[in-house]
N, C-alpha and C. Protein backbone atom coordinates (compact mmCIF):
# COMPACT_ATOMS: atom_id res chain seq x y z
N MET A 1 13.22 24.54 -13.28
CA MET A 1 11.99 23.85 -13.01
C MET A 1 11.65 22.87 -14.13
N GLY A 2 11.85 23.31 -15.37
CA GLY A 2 11.54 22.45 -16.51
C GLY A 2 12.41 21.20 -16.56
N ARG A 3 13.68 21.37 -16.23
CA ARG A 3 14.59 20.22 -16.23
C ARG A 3 14.19 19.21 -15.15
N THR A 4 13.76 19.72 -14.01
CA THR A 4 13.35 18.83 -12.92
C THR A 4 12.14 18.00 -13.33
N ILE A 5 11.16 18.65 -13.93
CA ILE A 5 9.96 17.93 -14.37
C ILE A 5 10.31 16.91 -15.44
N LEU A 6 11.17 17.28 -16.37
CA LEU A 6 11.60 16.35 -17.41
C LEU A 6 12.34 15.16 -16.81
N PHE A 7 13.22 15.42 -15.86
CA PHE A 7 13.97 14.35 -15.21
C PHE A 7 13.04 13.41 -14.45
N LEU A 8 12.09 13.97 -13.70
CA LEU A 8 11.14 13.13 -12.96
C LEU A 8 10.28 12.30 -13.90
N GLY A 9 9.91 12.88 -15.03
CA GLY A 9 9.15 12.14 -16.03
C GLY A 9 9.94 10.98 -16.60
N LEU A 10 11.21 11.20 -16.87
CA LEU A 10 12.06 10.12 -17.39
C LEU A 10 12.24 9.01 -16.35
N ILE A 11 12.38 9.41 -15.09
CA ILE A 11 12.51 8.41 -14.02
C ILE A 11 11.24 7.57 -13.93
N LEU A 12 10.07 8.21 -14.02
CA LEU A 12 8.81 7.47 -13.96
C LEU A 12 8.67 6.52 -15.14
N VAL A 13 9.11 6.95 -16.32
CA VAL A 13 9.06 6.08 -17.50
C VAL A 13 9.97 4.87 -17.29
N LEU A 14 11.16 5.09 -16.74
CA LEU A 14 12.07 3.98 -16.47
C LEU A 14 11.49 3.01 -15.45
N ILE A 15 10.90 3.53 -14.38
CA ILE A 15 10.29 2.66 -13.37
C ILE A 15 9.16 1.85 -13.99
N GLY A 16 8.33 2.50 -14.80
CA GLY A 16 7.25 1.80 -15.47
C GLY A 16 7.76 0.71 -16.41
N GLY A 17 8.83 1.00 -17.12
CA GLY A 17 9.42 0.00 -18.01
C GLY A 17 9.96 -1.20 -17.25
N VAL A 18 10.61 -0.94 -16.13
CA VAL A 18 11.14 -2.04 -15.31
C VAL A 18 9.99 -2.89 -14.77
N LEU A 19 8.92 -2.24 -14.33
CA LEU A 19 7.78 -3.00 -13.81
C LEU A 19 7.12 -3.83 -14.90
N LEU A 20 7.01 -3.28 -16.11
CA LEU A 20 6.42 -4.04 -17.21
C LEU A 20 7.29 -5.23 -17.59
N LEU A 21 8.61 -5.02 -17.64
CA LEU A 21 9.51 -6.14 -17.94
C LEU A 21 9.45 -7.21 -16.85
N GLY A 22 9.32 -6.77 -15.61
CA GLY A 22 9.20 -7.72 -14.51
C GLY A 22 7.96 -8.58 -14.63
N GLU A 23 6.85 -7.97 -15.02
CA GLU A 23 5.62 -8.74 -15.23
C GLU A 23 5.78 -9.71 -16.39
N LYS A 24 6.46 -9.28 -17.44
CA LYS A 24 6.63 -10.13 -18.62
C LYS A 24 7.40 -11.40 -18.28
N TYR A 25 8.38 -11.29 -17.39
CA TYR A 25 9.20 -12.44 -17.04
C TYR A 25 8.75 -13.11 -15.75
N GLY A 26 7.58 -12.76 -15.26
CA GLY A 26 7.01 -13.45 -14.12
C GLY A 26 7.47 -12.96 -12.76
N ILE A 27 8.17 -11.84 -12.71
CA ILE A 27 8.60 -11.29 -11.42
C ILE A 27 7.48 -10.39 -10.93
N LYS A 28 6.91 -10.75 -9.78
CA LYS A 28 5.78 -9.98 -9.26
C LYS A 28 6.12 -9.44 -7.88
N ASN A 29 5.59 -8.28 -7.60
CA ASN A 29 5.75 -7.69 -6.28
C ASN A 29 4.84 -8.45 -5.31
N PRO A 30 5.38 -8.95 -4.21
CA PRO A 30 4.56 -9.76 -3.31
C PRO A 30 3.47 -8.96 -2.59
N LEU A 31 3.54 -7.64 -2.60
CA LEU A 31 2.51 -6.84 -1.96
C LEU A 31 1.43 -6.38 -2.92
N ASP A 32 1.49 -6.78 -4.17
CA ASP A 32 0.42 -6.48 -5.12
C ASP A 32 -0.60 -7.61 -5.04
N PHE A 33 -1.81 -7.23 -4.74
CA PHE A 33 -2.86 -8.23 -4.52
C PHE A 33 -3.72 -8.39 -5.76
N ARG A 34 -3.99 -9.63 -6.13
CA ARG A 34 -4.85 -9.94 -7.26
C ARG A 34 -5.83 -11.03 -6.85
N PHE A 35 -7.09 -10.69 -6.95
CA PHE A 35 -8.15 -11.64 -6.64
C PHE A 35 -9.01 -11.80 -7.88
N GLY A 36 -9.51 -12.97 -8.08
CA GLY A 36 -10.33 -13.15 -9.27
C GLY A 36 -11.25 -14.34 -9.16
N GLY A 37 -12.28 -14.27 -9.93
CA GLY A 37 -13.23 -15.36 -10.03
C GLY A 37 -13.34 -15.76 -11.49
N GLU A 38 -14.46 -16.35 -11.81
CA GLU A 38 -14.67 -16.79 -13.18
C GLU A 38 -14.80 -15.61 -14.14
N ASN A 39 -15.56 -14.61 -13.72
CA ASN A 39 -15.86 -13.50 -14.62
C ASN A 39 -15.36 -12.15 -14.12
N TRP A 40 -14.50 -12.13 -13.13
CA TRP A 40 -14.05 -10.85 -12.60
C TRP A 40 -12.63 -10.98 -12.06
N THR A 41 -11.95 -9.83 -12.03
CA THR A 41 -10.60 -9.75 -11.47
C THR A 41 -10.47 -8.42 -10.76
N PHE A 42 -9.87 -8.45 -9.57
CA PHE A 42 -9.59 -7.24 -8.81
C PHE A 42 -8.10 -7.20 -8.55
N TYR A 43 -7.46 -6.10 -8.94
CA TYR A 43 -6.02 -5.95 -8.78
C TYR A 43 -5.76 -4.69 -7.97
N PHE A 44 -5.02 -4.82 -6.87
CA PHE A 44 -4.69 -3.68 -6.02
C PHE A 44 -3.17 -3.61 -5.88
N PRO A 45 -2.50 -2.64 -6.55
CA PRO A 45 -1.04 -2.56 -6.56
C PRO A 45 -0.47 -1.84 -5.34
N LEU A 46 -0.66 -2.38 -4.17
CA LEU A 46 -0.19 -1.75 -2.94
C LEU A 46 1.33 -1.64 -2.90
N GLY A 47 2.02 -2.72 -3.17
CA GLY A 47 3.48 -2.72 -3.12
C GLY A 47 4.10 -1.80 -4.15
N THR A 48 3.56 -1.79 -5.35
CA THR A 48 4.08 -0.91 -6.39
C THR A 48 3.85 0.55 -6.01
N SER A 49 2.70 0.85 -5.43
CA SER A 49 2.42 2.23 -4.99
C SER A 49 3.39 2.67 -3.91
N ILE A 50 3.68 1.80 -2.98
CA ILE A 50 4.63 2.12 -1.91
C ILE A 50 6.03 2.35 -2.49
N LEU A 51 6.43 1.48 -3.41
CA LEU A 51 7.75 1.60 -4.03
C LEU A 51 7.89 2.91 -4.81
N VAL A 52 6.90 3.26 -5.61
CA VAL A 52 6.95 4.50 -6.38
C VAL A 52 6.93 5.70 -5.44
N SER A 53 6.17 5.64 -4.37
CA SER A 53 6.12 6.73 -3.40
C SER A 53 7.47 6.95 -2.73
N ILE A 54 8.15 5.88 -2.37
CA ILE A 54 9.46 6.01 -1.73
C ILE A 54 10.47 6.62 -2.70
N VAL A 55 10.48 6.14 -3.93
CA VAL A 55 11.43 6.66 -4.92
C VAL A 55 11.17 8.13 -5.19
N LEU A 56 9.92 8.51 -5.37
CA LEU A 56 9.61 9.92 -5.63
C LEU A 56 9.93 10.79 -4.43
N SER A 57 9.66 10.31 -3.22
CA SER A 57 9.99 11.08 -2.02
C SER A 57 11.49 11.32 -1.91
N LEU A 58 12.28 10.30 -2.20
CA LEU A 58 13.74 10.47 -2.16
C LEU A 58 14.23 11.44 -3.22
N LEU A 59 13.66 11.36 -4.42
CA LEU A 59 14.06 12.29 -5.48
C LEU A 59 13.72 13.73 -5.11
N ILE A 60 12.54 13.94 -4.59
CA ILE A 60 12.14 15.29 -4.20
C ILE A 60 13.01 15.79 -3.06
N TYR A 61 13.33 14.92 -2.11
CA TYR A 61 14.18 15.31 -0.99
C TYR A 61 15.56 15.76 -1.47
N PHE A 62 16.16 14.99 -2.39
CA PHE A 62 17.48 15.33 -2.88
C PHE A 62 17.49 16.56 -3.78
N PHE A 63 16.41 16.80 -4.54
CA PHE A 63 16.37 17.98 -5.40
C PHE A 63 16.11 19.24 -4.63
N LYS A 64 15.48 19.17 -3.48
CA LYS A 64 15.23 20.37 -2.68
C LYS A 64 16.44 20.84 -1.93
N LYS A 65 17.43 19.96 -1.72
CA LYS A 65 18.64 20.35 -0.99
C LYS A 65 19.53 21.20 -1.84
């Protein structure tokens, strides 16, 4: 159980790092919505949430087998 949690944590860190590098170089997920005005910004990461959900679902599916 401990190894599984550690592995999933490392996978999440890697996904987060890839997403941060993508933002740094201007690569954006087209399903992430950003609206803003002069004094406000609203950011809704729909595409990123879907992507992380799919990856985690696949990992859990393969570890349960």
